[in-house]
Amino acid sequence: MNWDTVKGNWKHTKGLIKEKWGELTDDDLTQAEGRKDQLVGRIQERYGKTREAAERELDSWMSALR
């Protein structure tokens, strides 16, 4: 799944993201609203990860969705 698909199906994708990263709030996802950099930042904040680690984890998760 590429990021354009994520943005295009944001309402559906939000549910999948909540399953993976349950500590993210609805407000976090609303603020991210399909923007990868915002979502990476929210994952980083909630889970105490480095930005690079959060981005790798998100990219890995997206690859697994294919």
C-alpha atoms as a PDB file:
ATOM      1  CA  MET A   1       0.000   0.000   0.000  1.00  0.00           C
ATOM      2  CA  ASN A   2       1.410   3.380  -0.900  1.00  0.00           C
ATOM      3  CA  TRP A   3       0.819   6.596   0.960  1.00  0.00           C
ATOM      4  CA  ASP A   4      -1.583   7.987  -1.680  1.00  0.00           C
ATOM      5  CA  THR A   5      -3.828   4.983  -1.033  1.00  0.00           C
ATOM      6  CA  VAL A   6      -3.632   5.611   2.706  1.00  0.00           C
ATOM      7  CA  LYS A   7      -4.641   9.246   2.223  1.00  0.00           C
ATOM      8  CA  GLY A   8      -7.457   8.305  -0.155  1.00  0.00           C
ATOM      9  CA  ASN A   9      -8.912   5.777   2.276  1.00  0.00           C
ATOM     10  CA  TRP A  10      -8.124   7.653   5.479  1.00  0.00           C
ATOM     11  CA  LYS A  11     -11.349   6.758   7.291  1.00  0.00           C
ATOM     12  CA  HIS A  12     -10.727   3.033   6.763  1.00  0.00           C
ATOM     13  CA  THR A  13      -7.005   3.329   7.349  1.00  0.00           C
ATOM     14  CA  LYS A  14      -7.539   5.095  10.692  1.00  0.00           C
ATOM     15  CA  GLY A  15      -9.113   1.915  12.021  1.00  0.00           C
ATOM     16  CA  LEU A  16      -6.161  -0.171  10.909  1.00  0.00           C
ATOM     17  CA  ILE A  17      -3.751   2.328  12.439  1.00  0.00           C
ATOM     18  CA  LYS A  18      -5.648   2.219  15.750  1.00  0.00           C
ATOM     19  CA  GLU A  19      -5.361  -1.584  15.747  1.00  0.00           C
ATOM     20  CA  LYS A  20      -1.586  -1.357  15.313  1.00  0.00           C
ATOM     21  CA  TRP A  21      -0.901   1.702  17.481  1.00  0.00           C
ATOM     22  CA  GLY A  22      -3.636   1.641  20.098  1.00  0.00           C
ATOM     23  CA  GLU A  23      -2.135   4.462  22.136  1.00  0.00           C
ATOM     24  CA  LEU A  24      -2.892   6.938  19.350  1.00  0.00           C
ATOM     25  CA  THR A  25      -6.004   8.935  20.108  1.00  0.00           C
ATOM     26  CA  ASP A  26      -8.739   9.968  17.711  1.00  0.00           C
ATOM     27  CA  ASP A  27      -7.389  13.512  18.044  1.00  0.00           C
ATOM     28  CA  ASP A  28      -3.926  12.288  16.984  1.00  0.00           C
ATOM     29  CA  LEU A  29      -5.403  10.709  13.884  1.00  0.00           C
ATOM     30  CA  THR A  30      -7.595  13.699  13.126  1.00  0.00           C
ATOM     31  CA  GLN A  31      -4.581  15.991  13.318  1.00  0.00           C
ATOM     32  CA  ALA A  32      -2.521  13.675  11.103  1.00  0.00           C
ATOM     33  CA  GLU A  33      -5.402  13.477   8.572  1.00  0.00           C
ATOM     34  CA  GLY A  34      -3.491  11.399   6.042  1.00  0.00           C
ATOM     35  CA  ARG A  35      -0.178  13.239   6.350  1.00  0.00           C
ATOM     36  CA  LYS A  36       2.623  10.766   6.856  1.00  0.00           C
ATOM     37  CA  ASP A  37       4.976  13.194   8.581  1.00  0.00           C
ATOM     38  CA  GLN A  38       2.272  14.078  11.119  1.00  0.00           C
ATOM     39  CA  LEU A  39       1.469  10.421  11.773  1.00  0.00           C
ATOM     40  CA  VAL A  40       5.138   9.565  12.250  1.00  0.00           C
ATOM     41  CA  GLY A  41       5.390  12.425  14.749  1.00  0.00           C
ATOM     42  CA  ARG A  42       2.374  11.163  16.688  1.00  0.00           C
ATOM     43  CA  ILE A  43       3.772   7.614  16.821  1.00  0.00           C
ATOM     44  CA  GLN A  44       7.093   9.048  17.951  1.00  0.00           C
ATOM     45  CA  GLU A  45       5.478  11.047  20.757  1.00  0.00           C
ATOM     46  CA  ARG A  46       3.128   8.342  22.048  1.00  0.00           C
ATOM     47  CA  TYR A  47       5.650   5.502  21.978  1.00  0.00           C
ATOM     48  CA  GLY A  48       8.873   7.353  22.818  1.00  0.00           C
ATOM     49  CA  LYS A  49      10.593   6.317  19.606  1.00  0.00           C
ATOM     50  CA  THR A  50      13.072   8.223  17.511  1.00  0.00           C
ATOM     51  CA  ARG A  51      11.634   9.751  14.373  1.00  0.00           C
ATOM     52  CA  GLU A  52      13.630   7.290  12.252  1.00  0.00           C
ATOM     53  CA  ALA A  53      12.372   4.281  14.241  1.00  0.00           C
ATOM     54  CA  ALA A  54       8.757   5.474  14.004  1.00  0.00           C
ATOM     55  CA  GLU A  55       9.081   5.997  10.250  1.00  0.00           C
ATOM     56  CA  ARG A  56      10.665   2.563   9.747  1.00  0.00           C
ATOM     57  CA  GLU A  57       7.889   0.936  11.766  1.00  0.00           C
ATOM     58  CA  LEU A  58       5.195   2.750   9.760  1.00  0.00           C
ATOM     59  CA  ASP A  59       6.837   1.850   6.439  1.00  0.00           C
ATOM     60  CA  SER A  60       7.185  -1.776   7.503  1.00  0.00           C
ATOM     61  CA  TRP A  61       3.516  -1.897   8.552  1.00  0.00           C
ATOM     62  CA  MET A  62       2.424  -0.384   5.252  1.00  0.00           C
ATOM     63  CA  SER A  63       4.469  -2.956   3.307  1.00  0.00           C
ATOM     64  CA  ALA A  64       2.799  -5.757   5.237  1.00  0.00           C
ATOM     65  CA  LEU A  65      -0.649  -4.472   4.230  1.00  0.00           C
ATOM     66  CA  ARG A  66      -0.026  -5.197   0.572  1.00  0.00           C
END
